[in-house]
PDB file of N, CA and C in Angstrom:
ATOM      1  N   MET A   1     127.011  60.553  95.879  1.00  0.00           N
ATOM      2  CA  MET A   1     127.945  60.411  94.855  1.00  0.00           C
ATOM      3  C   MET A   1     127.256  59.902  93.631  1.00  0.00           C
ATOM      4  N   PRO A   2     127.570  60.554  92.448  1.00  0.00           N
ATOM      5  CA  PRO A   2     127.011  60.207  91.210  1.00  0.00           C
ATOM      6  C   PRO A   2     127.324  58.713  90.728  1.00  0.00           C
ATOM      7  N   THR A   3     126.487  58.126  90.074  1.00  0.00           N
ATOM      8  CA  THR A   3     126.708  56.782  89.583  1.00  0.00           C
ATOM      9  C   THR A   3     127.987  56.610  88.739  1.00  0.00           C
ATOM     10  N   SER A   4     128.188  57.668  87.926  1.00  0.00           N
ATOM     11  CA  SER A   4     129.416  57.593  87.041  1.00  0.00           C
ATOM     12  C   SER A   4     130.646  57.472  87.894  1.00  0.00           C
ATOM     13  N   LEU A   5     130.755  58.212  88.992  1.00  0.00           N
ATOM     14  CA  LEU A   5     131.923  58.190  89.735  1.00  0.00           C
ATOM     15  C   LEU A   5     132.129  56.884  90.543  1.00  0.00           C
ATOM     16  N   ILE A   6     130.976  56.329  90.932  1.00  0.00           N
ATOM     17  CA  ILE A   6     130.999  54.965  91.614  1.00  0.00           C
ATOM     18  C   ILE A   6     131.609  53.978  90.534  1.00  0.00           C
ATOM     19  N   LEU A   7     131.047  54.058  89.354  1.00  0.00           N
ATOM     20  CA  LEU A   7     131.601  53.072  88.280  1.00  0.00           C
ATOM     21  C   LEU A   7     133.045  53.339  87.983  1.00  0.00           C
ATOM     22  N   ALA A   8     133.518  54.599  87.968  1.00  0.00           N
ATOM     23  CA  ALA A   8     134.959  54.871  87.743  1.00  0.00           C
ATOM     24  C   ALA A   8     135.757  54.289  88.888  1.00  0.00           C
ATOM     25  N   CYS A   9     135.313  54.429  90.104  1.00  0.00           N
ATOM     26  CA  CYS A   9     136.041  53.723  91.247  1.00  0.00           C
ATOM     27  C   CYS A   9     136.087  52.245  91.178  1.00  0.00           C
ATOM     28  N   VAL A  10     135.078  51.627  90.587  1.00  0.00           N
ATOM     29  CA  VAL A  10     135.028  50.172  90.463  1.00  0.00           C
ATOM     30  C   VAL A  10     135.976  49.886  89.350  1.00  0.00           C
ATOM     31  N   TRP A  11     135.997  50.634  88.265  1.00  0.00           N
ATOM     32  CA  TRP A  11     136.997  50.404  87.237  1.00  0.00           C
ATOM     33  C   TRP A  11     138.421  50.546  87.715  1.00  0.00           C
ATOM     34  N   VAL A  12     138.795  51.483  88.551  1.00  0.00           N
ATOM     35  CA  VAL A  12     140.097  51.657  89.123  1.00  0.00           C
ATOM     36  C   VAL A  12     140.419  50.430  89.965  1.00  0.00           C
ATOM     37  N   ILE A  13     139.478  49.963  90.833  1.00  0.00           N
ATOM     38  CA  ILE A  13     139.686  48.773  91.660  1.00  0.00           C
ATOM     39  C   ILE A  13     140.025  47.519  90.822  1.00  0.00           C
ATOM     40  N   ALA A  14     139.146  47.438  89.748  1.00  0.00           N
ATOM     41  CA  ALA A  14     139.290  46.230  88.900  1.00  0.00           C
ATOM     42  C   ALA A  14     140.612  46.268  88.207  1.00  0.00           C
ATOM     43  N   ALA A  15     141.073  47.526  87.700  1.00  0.00           N
ATOM     44  CA  ALA A  15     142.351  47.553  87.065  1.00  0.00           C
ATOM     45  C   ALA A  15     143.492  47.199  88.081  1.00  0.00           C
ATOM     46  N   ASN A  16     143.421  47.687  89.261  1.00  0.00           N
ATOM     47  CA  ASN A  16     144.436  47.316  90.290  1.00  0.00           C
ATOM     48  C   ASN A  16     144.469  45.840  90.547  1.00  0.00           C
ATOM     49  N   VAL A  17     143.321  45.202  90.623  1.00  0.00           N
ATOM     50  CA  VAL A  17     143.288  43.716  90.851  1.00  0.00           C
ATOM     51  C   VAL A  17     143.862  42.993  89.665  1.00  0.00           C
ATOM     52  N   ILE A  18     143.510  43.422  88.540  1.00  0.00           N
ATOM     53  CA  ILE A  18     144.212  42.841  87.359  1.00  0.00           C
ATOM     54  C   ILE A  18     145.667  42.988  87.260  1.00  0.00           C
ATOM     55  N   ALA A  19     146.147  44.072  87.664  1.00  0.00           N
ATOM     56  CA  ALA A  19     147.628  44.369  87.721  1.00  0.00           C
ATOM     57  C   ALA A  19     148.342  43.482  88.664  1.00  0.00           C
ATOM     58  N   MET A  20     147.602  43.154  89.808  1.00  0.00           N
ATOM     59  CA  MET A  20     148.201  42.253  90.819  1.00  0.00           C
ATOM     60  C   MET A  20     148.224  40.776  90.500  1.00  0.00           C
ATOM     61  N   THR A  21     147.433  40.345  89.516  1.00  0.00           N
ATOM     62  CA  THR A  21     147.398  38.996  89.152  1.00  0.00           C
ATOM     63  C   THR A  21     148.558  38.589  88.167  1.00  0.00           C
ATOM     64  N   PRO A  22     149.150  37.430  88.250  1.00  0.00           N
ATOM     65  CA  PRO A  22     150.206  37.017  87.250  1.00  0.00           C
ATOM     66  C   PRO A  22     149.613  36.787  86.003  1.00  0.00           C
ATOM     67  N   SER A  23     150.425  37.022  84.921  1.00  0.00           N
ATOM     68  CA  SER A  23     149.897  36.798  83.587  1.00  0.00           C
ATOM     69  C   SER A  23     151.089  36.518  82.695  1.00  0.00           C
ATOM     70  N   LYS A  24     150.990  35.502  81.811  1.00  0.00           N
ATOM     71  CA  LYS A  24     152.090  35.225  80.890  1.00  0.00           C
ATOM     72  C   LYS A  24     151.955  36.130  79.715  1.00  0.00           C
ATOM     73  N   LYS A  25     150.934  36.793  79.319  1.00  0.00           N
ATOM     74  CA  LYS A  25     150.863  37.586  78.205  1.00  0.00           C
ATOM     75  C   LYS A  25     151.049  39.087  78.548  1.00  0.00           C
ATOM     76  N   LEU A  26     151.562  39.353  79.721  1.00  0.00           N
ATOM     77  CA  LEU A  26     151.920  40.670  80.204  1.00  0.00           C
ATOM     78  C   LEU A  26     150.756  41.648  80.258  1.00  0.00           C
ATOM     79  N   HIS A  27     149.513  41.159  80.492  1.00  0.00           N
ATOM     80  CA  HIS A  27     148.362  41.880  80.719  1.00  0.00           C
ATOM     81  C   HIS A  27     147.749  42.676  79.460  1.00  0.00           C
ATOM     82  N   TRP A  28     148.208  42.420  78.283  1.00  0.00           N
ATOM     83  CA  TRP A  28     147.705  43.245  77.185  1.00  0.00           C
ATOM     84  C   TRP A  28     146.267  42.980  76.853  1.00  0.00           C
ATOM     85  N   PRO A  29     145.773  41.705  76.929  1.00  0.00           N
ATOM     86  CA  PRO A  29     144.373  41.444  76.598  1.00  0.00           C
ATOM     87  C   PRO A  29     143.514  42.203  77.701  1.00  0.00           C
ATOM     88  N   GLN A  30     143.985  42.199  79.028  1.00  0.00           N
ATOM     89  CA  GLN A  30     143.228  42.821  80.022  1.00  0.00           C
ATOM     90  C   GLN A  30     143.248  44.374  79.811  1.00  0.00           C
ATOM     91  N   ALA A  31     144.278  44.894  79.339  1.00  0.00           N
ATOM     92  CA  ALA A  31     144.476  46.330  79.093  1.00  0.00           C
ATOM     93  C   ALA A  31     143.438  46.707  77.922  1.00  0.00           C
ATOM     94  N   TYR A  32     143.404  45.849  76.918  1.00  0.00           N
ATOM     95  CA  TYR A  32     142.341  46.245  75.900  1.00  0.00           C
ATOM     96  C   TYR A  32     140.941  46.265  76.401  1.00  0.00           C
ATOM     97  N   GLY A  33     140.619  45.428  77.267  1.00  0.00           N
ATOM     98  CA  GLY A  33     139.274  45.314  77.947  1.00  0.00           C
ATOM     99  C   GLY A  33     139.071  46.613  78.791  1.00  0.00           C
ATOM    100  N   LEU A  34     140.118  46.943  79.589  1.00  0.00           N
ATOM    101  CA  LEU A  34     140.052  48.127  80.415  1.00  0.00           C
ATOM    102  C   LEU A  34     139.777  49.340  79.560  1.00  0.00           C
ATOM    103  N   ILE A  35     140.442  49.423  78.424  1.00  0.00           N
ATOM    104  CA  ILE A  35     140.329  50.597  77.517  1.00  0.00           C
ATOM    105  C   ILE A  35     139.003  50.626  76.869  1.00  0.00           C
ATOM    106  N   ALA A  36     138.469  49.469  76.504  1.00  0.00           N
ATOM    107  CA  ALA A  36     137.108  49.338  75.966  1.00  0.00           C
ATOM    108  C   ALA A  36     136.014  49.733  76.930  1.00  0.00           C
ATOM    109  N   LEU A  37     136.184  49.526  78.242  1.00  0.00           N
ATOM    110  CA  LEU A  37     135.278  49.896  79.205  1.00  0.00           C
ATOM    111  C   LEU A  37     135.468  51.399  79.671  1.00  0.00           C
ATOM    112  N   GLY A  38     136.818  51.827  79.673  1.00  0.00           N
ATOM    113  CA  GLY A  38     137.148  53.088  80.158  1.00  0.00           C
ATOM    114  C   GLY A  38     136.736  54.293  79.334  1.00  0.00           C
ATOM    115  N   VAL A  39     136.793  54.108  77.967  1.00  0.00           N
ATOM    116  CA  VAL A  39     136.547  55.163  77.168  1.00  0.00           C
ATOM    117  C   VAL A  39     135.068  55.681  77.236  1.00  0.00           C
ATOM    118  N   PRO A  40     134.077  54.735  77.158  1.00  0.00           N
ATOM    119  CA  PRO A  40     132.690  55.260  77.347  1.00  0.00           C
ATOM    120  C   PRO A  40     132.373  55.683  78.832  1.00  0.00           C
ATOM    121  N   LEU A  41     133.120  55.078  79.738  1.00  0.00           N
ATOM    122  CA  LEU A  41     132.934  55.448  81.087  1.00  0.00           C
ATOM    123  C   LEU A  41     133.484  56.925  81.326  1.00  0.00           C
ATOM    124  N   LEU A  42     134.574  57.219  80.699  1.00  0.00           N
ATOM    125  CA  LEU A  42     135.156  58.575  80.778  1.00  0.00           C
ATOM    126  C   LEU A  42     134.121  59.581  80.163  1.00  0.00           C
ATOM    127  N   GLY A  43     133.481  59.231  79.099  1.00  0.00           N
ATOM    128  CA  GLY A  43     132.489  60.118  78.437  1.00  0.00           C
ATOM    129  C   GLY A  43     131.279  60.281  79.443  1.00  0.00           C
ATOM    130  N   TYR A  44     130.914  59.178  80.112  1.00  0.00           N
ATOM    131  CA  TYR A  44     129.736  59.265  81.054  1.00  0.00           C
ATOM    132  C   TYR A  44     130.132  60.134  82.175  1.00  0.00           C
ATOM    133  N   VAL A  45     131.338  60.000  82.768  1.00  0.00           N
ATOM    134  CA  VAL A  45     131.779  60.854  83.903  1.00  0.00           C
ATOM    135  C   VAL A  45     131.828  62.290  83.466  1.00  0.00           C
ATOM    136  N   THR A  46     132.327  62.564  82.295  1.00  0.00           N
ATOM    137  CA  THR A  46     132.410  64.050  81.800  1.00  0.00           C
ATOM    138  C   THR A  46     131.027  64.516  81.515  1.00  0.00           C
ATOM    139  N   TYR A  47     130.081  63.782  81.018  1.00  0.00           N
ATOM    140  CA  TYR A  47     128.732  64.247  80.846  1.00  0.00           C
ATOM    141  C   TYR A  47     127.996  64.495  82.200  1.00  0.00           C
ATOM    142  N   GLU A  48     128.175  63.702  83.126  1.00  0.00           N
ATOM    143  CA  GLU A  48     127.459  63.719  84.356  1.00  0.00           C
ATOM    144  C   GLU A  48     128.081  64.774  85.353  1.00  0.00           C
ATOM    145  N   ASN A  49     129.416  64.886  85.298  1.00  0.00           N
ATOM    146  CA  ASN A  49     130.101  65.808  86.384  1.00  0.00           C
ATOM    147  C   ASN A  49     130.969  66.961  85.800  1.00  0.00           C
ATOM    148  N   GLY A  50     131.071  67.085  84.465  1.00  0.00           N
ATOM    149  CA  GLY A  50     131.724  68.313  83.982  1.00  0.00           C
ATOM    150  C   GLY A  50     133.094  67.888  83.562  1.00  0.00           C
ATOM    151  N   PRO A  51     133.718  68.810  82.706  1.00  0.00           N
ATOM    152  CA  PRO A  51     135.001  68.554  82.095  1.00  0.00           C
ATOM    153  C   PRO A  51     136.186  68.477  83.080  1.00  0.00           C
ATOM    154  N   TRP A  52     136.155  69.213  84.251  1.00  0.00           N
ATOM    155  CA  TRP A  52     137.227  69.133  85.181  1.00  0.00           C
ATOM    156  C   TRP A  52     137.348  67.803  85.916  1.00  0.00           C
ATOM    157  N   ILE A  53     136.193  67.158  86.240  1.00  0.00           N
ATOM    158  CA  ILE A  53     136.157  65.870  86.967  1.00  0.00           C
ATOM    159  C   ILE A  53     136.547  64.794  85.819  1.00  0.00           C
ATOM    160  N   GLY A  54     136.039  65.085  84.591  1.00  0.00           N
ATOM    161  CA  GLY A  54     136.454  64.227  83.449  1.00  0.00           C
ATOM    162  C   GLY A  54     137.944  64.232  83.214  1.00  0.00           C
ATOM    163  N   LEU A  55     138.615  65.372  83.331  1.00  0.00           N
ATOM    164  CA  LEU A  55     140.021  65.429  83.240  1.00  0.00           C
ATOM    165  C   LEU A  55     140.833  64.666  84.315  1.00  0.00           C
ATOM    166  N   LEU A  56     140.237  64.746  85.508  1.00  0.00           N
ATOM    167  CA  LEU A  56     140.861  64.014  86.613  1.00  0.00           C
ATOM    168  C   LEU A  56     140.757  62.525  86.465  1.00  0.00           C
ATOM    169  N   VAL A  57     139.583  62.056  85.982  1.00  0.00           N
ATOM    170  CA  VAL A  57     139.385  60.683  85.771  1.00  0.00           C
ATOM    171  C   VAL A  57     140.273  60.158  84.567  1.00  0.00           C
ATOM    172  N   LEU A  58     140.471  61.082  83.604  1.00  0.00           N
ATOM    173  CA  LEU A  58     141.297  60.812  82.437  1.00  0.00           C
ATOM    174  C   LEU A  58     142.778  60.565  82.915  1.00  0.00           C
ATOM    175  N   ALA A  59     143.203  61.465  83.854  1.00  0.00           N
ATOM    176  CA  ALA A  59     144.550  61.393  84.395  1.00  0.00           C
ATOM    177  C   ALA A  59     144.735  60.146  85.208  1.00  0.00           C
ATOM    178  N   ALA A  60     143.704  59.722  85.893  1.00  0.00           N
ATOM    179  CA  ALA A  60     143.747  58.457  86.623  1.00  0.00           C
ATOM    180  C   ALA A  60     143.938  57.292  85.745  1.00  0.00           C
ATOM    181  N   GLY A  61     143.156  57.320  84.692  1.00  0.00           N
ATOM    182  CA  GLY A  61     143.158  56.156  83.720  1.00  0.00           C
ATOM    183  C   GLY A  61     144.457  56.114  83.020  1.00  0.00           C
ATOM    184  N   VAL A  62     145.025  57.229  82.679  1.00  0.00           N
ATOM    185  CA  VAL A  62     146.385  57.290  81.987  1.00  0.00           C
ATOM    186  C   VAL A  62     147.462  56.812  82.942  1.00  0.00           C
ATOM    187  N   SER A  63     147.310  57.082  84.177  1.00  0.00           N
ATOM    188  CA  SER A  63     148.391  56.651  85.095  1.00  0.00           C
ATOM    189  C   SER A  63     148.370  55.140  85.304  1.00  0.00           C
ATOM    190  N   ILE A  64     147.090  54.660  85.227  1.00  0.00           N
ATOM    191  CA  ILE A  64     147.007  53.185  85.428  1.00  0.00           C
ATOM    192  C   ILE A  64     147.476  52.406  84.052  1.00  0.00           C
ATOM    193  N   LEU A  65     147.042  52.975  82.904  1.00  0.00           N
ATOM    194  CA  LEU A  65     147.382  52.366  81.654  1.00  0.00           C
ATOM    195  C   LEU A  65     148.430  53.091  80.965  1.00  0.00           C
ATOM    196  N   ARG A  66     149.561  53.323  81.708  1.00  0.00           N
ATOM    197  CA  ARG A  66     150.580  54.224  81.063  1.00  0.00           C
ATOM    198  C   ARG A  66     151.305  53.566  79.863  1.00  0.00           C
ATOM    199  N   TRP A  67     151.504  52.266  79.866  1.00  0.00           N
ATOM    200  CA  TRP A  67     152.186  51.641  78.743  1.00  0.00           C
ATOM    201  C   TRP A  67     151.450  51.625  77.422  1.00  0.00           C
ATOM    202  N   PRO A  68     150.095  51.276  77.503  1.00  0.00           N
ATOM    203  CA  PRO A  68     149.365  51.419  76.207  1.00  0.00           C
ATOM    204  C   PRO A  68     149.376  52.898  75.675  1.00  0.00           C
ATOM    205  N   VAL A  69     149.351  53.837  76.588  1.00  0.00           N
ATOM    206  CA  VAL A  69     149.380  55.236  76.127  1.00  0.00           C
ATOM    207  C   VAL A  69     150.706  55.625  75.623  1.00  0.00           C
ATOM    208  N   LEU A  70     151.852  55.056  76.232  1.00  0.00           N
ATOM    209  CA  LEU A  70     153.086  55.415  75.683  1.00  0.00           C
ATOM    210  C   LEU A  70     153.255  54.789  74.279  1.00  0.00           C
ATOM    211  N   TYR A  71     152.878  53.544  74.192  1.00  0.00           N
ATOM    212  CA  TYR A  71     153.025  52.875  72.738  1.00  0.00           C
ATOM    213  C   TYR A  71     152.157  53.654  71.804  1.00  0.00           C
ATOM    214  N   PHE A  72     150.959  54.038  72.082  1.00  0.00           N
ATOM    215  CA  PHE A  72     150.136  54.811  71.220  1.00  0.00           C
ATOM    216  C   PHE A  72     150.835  56.112  70.775  1.00  0.00           C
ATOM    217  N   GLY A  73     151.442  56.797  71.748  1.00  0.00           N
ATOM    218  CA  GLY A  73     152.134  58.015  71.413  1.00  0.00           C
ATOM    219  C   GLY A  73     153.250  57.769  70.492  1.00  0.00           C
ATOM    220  N   ARG A  74     153.971  56.692  70.775  1.00  0.00           N
ATOM    221  CA  ARG A  74     155.158  56.385  69.784  1.00  0.00           C
ATOM    222  C   ARG A  74     154.599  56.091  68.419  1.00  0.00           C
ATOM    223  N   TRP A  75     153.445  55.365  68.385  1.00  0.00           N
ATOM    224  CA  TRP A  75     152.915  55.070  67.063  1.00  0.00           C
ATOM    225  C   TRP A  75     152.474  56.266  66.300  1.00  0.00           C
ATOM    226  N   ILE A  76     151.908  57.152  67.007  1.00  0.00           N
ATOM    227  CA  ILE A  76     151.429  58.473  66.393  1.00  0.00           C
ATOM    228  C   ILE A  76     152.559  59.256  65.937  1.00  0.00           C
ATOM    229  N   LYS A  77     153.653  59.326  66.739  1.00  0.00           N
ATOM    230  CA  LYS A  77     154.852  60.077  66.352  1.00  0.00           C
ATOM    231  C   LYS A  77     155.503  59.398  65.092  1.00  0.00           C
ATOM    232  N   ARG A  78     155.529  58.117  65.073  1.00  0.00           N
ATOM    233  CA  ARG A  78     156.070  57.464  63.951  1.00  0.00           C
ATOM    234  C   ARG A  78     155.226  57.771  62.621  1.00  0.00           C
ATOM    235  N   LEU A  79     153.973  57.832  62.753  1.00  0.00           N
ATOM    236  CA  LEU A  79     153.177  58.131  61.647  1.00  0.00           C
ATOM    237  C   LEU A  79     153.378  59.636  61.172  1.00  0.00           C
ATOM    238  N   VAL A  80     153.487  60.589  62.190  1.00  0.00           N
ATOM    239  CA  VAL A  80     153.676  61.961  61.753  1.00  0.00           C
ATOM    240  C   VAL A  80     155.066  62.209  61.214  1.00  0.00           C
ATOM    241  N   THR A  81     156.084  61.650  61.698  1.00  0.00           N
ATOM    242  CA  THR A  81     157.484  61.893  61.215  1.00  0.00           C
ATOM    243  C   THR A  81     157.923  61.099  60.098  1.00  0.00           C
ATOM    244  N   LYS A  82     156.990  60.135  59.710  1.00  0.00           N
ATOM    245  CA  LYS A  82     157.470  59.249  58.623  1.00  0.00           C
ATOM    246  C   LYS A  82     157.660  59.969  57.254  1.00  0.00           C
ATOM    247  N   GLY A  83     156.839  60.995  57.032  1.00  0.00           N
ATOM    248  CA  GLY A  83     156.876  61.719  55.798  1.00  0.00           C
ATOM    249  C   GLY A  83     156.085  61.091  54.666  1.00  0.00           C
ATOM    250  N   PRO A  84     156.106  61.670  53.508  1.00  0.00           N
ATOM    251  CA  PRO A  84     155.289  61.112  52.388  1.00  0.00           C
ATOM    252  C   PRO A  84     155.845  59.789  51.880  1.00  0.00           C
ATOM    253  N   ALA A  85     154.886  58.937  51.454  1.00  0.00           N
ATOM    254  CA  ALA A  85     155.210  57.594  50.934  1.00  0.00           C
ATOM    255  C   ALA A  85     155.767  57.768  49.510  1.00  0.00           C
ATOM    256  N   GLU A  86     156.755  57.018  49.199  1.00  0.00           N
ATOM    257  CA  GLU A  86     157.513  57.088  47.961  1.00  0.00           C
ATOM    258  C   GLU A  86     157.104  55.863  47.085  1.00  0.00           C
TER     259      GLU A  86
END
Protein backbone atom coordinates (compact mmCIF):
# COMPACT_ATOMS: atom_id res chain seq x y z
CA MET A 1 0.00 0.00 0.00
CA PRO A 2 1.40 3.41 -0.93
CA THR A 3 2.51 5.77 1.82
CA SER A 4 -0.06 8.37 0.81
CA LEU A 5 -2.97 5.99 1.38
CA ILE A 6 -1.58 4.96 4.76
CA LEU A 7 -1.39 8.63 5.74
CA ALA A 8 -4.94 9.18 4.48
CA CYS A 9 -6.15 6.27 6.62
CA VAL A 10 -4.37 7.75 9.66
CA TRP A 11 -6.04 11.10 8.90
CA VAL A 12 -9.48 9.42 8.82
CA ILE A 13 -8.82 7.62 12.11
CA ALA A 14 -7.63 10.88 13.72
CA ALA A 15 -10.74 12.68 12.46
CA ASN A 16 -12.98 10.02 13.96
CA VAL A 17 -11.17 10.12 17.30
CA ILE A 18 -11.48 13.92 17.35
CA ALA A 19 -15.20 13.63 16.57
CA MET A 20 -15.72 11.29 19.52
CA THR A 21 -14.07 13.58 22.06
CA PRO A 22 -16.23 16.16 23.86
CA SER A 23 -15.58 19.80 23.00
CA LYS A 24 -17.05 23.09 24.18
CA LYS A 25 -16.07 24.89 20.95
CA LEU A 26 -17.98 22.41 18.73
CA HIS A 27 -14.76 21.05 17.14
CA TRP A 28 -14.10 24.04 14.87
CA PRO A 29 -10.40 24.46 15.80
CA GLN A 30 -9.85 20.75 15.20
CA ALA A 31 -11.69 20.98 11.87
CA TYR A 32 -9.33 23.76 10.76
CA GLY A 33 -6.36 21.57 11.65
CA LEU A 34 -7.83 18.61 9.75
CA ILE A 35 -8.40 20.81 6.71
CA ALA A 36 -4.86 22.18 6.90
CA LEU A 37 -3.46 18.65 6.95
CA GLY A 38 -6.00 17.18 4.54
CA VAL A 39 -5.52 19.49 1.57
CA PRO A 40 -1.81 18.71 1.01
CA LEU A 41 -2.49 15.06 1.81
CA LEU A 42 -5.18 14.98 -0.87
CA GLY A 43 -2.70 16.40 -3.36
CA TYR A 44 -0.14 13.77 -2.37
CA VAL A 45 -2.69 10.96 -2.72
CA THR A 46 -3.76 12.25 -6.14
CA TYR A 47 -0.15 12.62 -7.27
CA GLU A 48 0.85 9.14 -6.13
CA ASN A 49 -2.32 7.16 -7.00
CA GLY A 50 -4.11 9.07 -9.74
CA PRO A 51 -7.23 11.22 -9.98
CA TRP A 52 -9.81 8.47 -9.34
CA ILE A 53 -8.32 7.49 -5.99
CA GLY A 54 -7.91 11.20 -5.25
CA LEU A 55 -11.63 11.72 -5.84
CA LEU A 56 -12.45 8.83 -3.50
CA VAL A 57 -10.27 10.33 -0.78
CA LEU A 58 -11.86 13.74 -1.42
CA ALA A 59 -15.32 12.20 -1.00
CA ALA A 60 -14.22 10.59 2.27
CA GLY A 61 -12.88 13.92 3.54
CA VAL A 62 -16.04 15.78 2.57
CA SER A 63 -18.20 13.18 4.32
CA ILE A 64 -16.16 13.64 7.50
CA LEU A 65 -15.96 17.45 7.33
CA ARG A 66 -19.47 18.05 5.99
CA TRP A 67 -20.28 21.13 8.09
CA PRO A 68 -17.24 23.20 7.05
CA VAL A 69 -17.99 22.27 3.43
CA LEU A 70 -21.64 23.25 3.83
CA TYR A 71 -20.76 26.62 5.37
CA PHE A 72 -18.15 27.24 2.66
CA GLY A 73 -20.77 26.53 -0.02
CA ARG A 74 -23.21 28.94 1.62
CA TRP A 75 -20.50 31.61 1.80
CA ILE A 76 -19.68 31.18 -1.91
CA LYS A 77 -23.37 31.29 -2.82
CA ARG A 78 -23.79 34.51 -0.80
CA LEU A 79 -20.83 36.07 -2.62
CA VAL A 80 -22.14 35.08 -6.05
CA THR A 81 -25.76 36.12 -5.53
CA LYS A 82 -24.96 39.36 -3.70
CA GLY A 83 -24.65 41.36 -6.87
CA PRO A 84 -22.62 44.52 -7.49
CA ALA A 85 -21.72 46.77 -4.60
CA GLU A 86 -23.50 50.10 -4.50
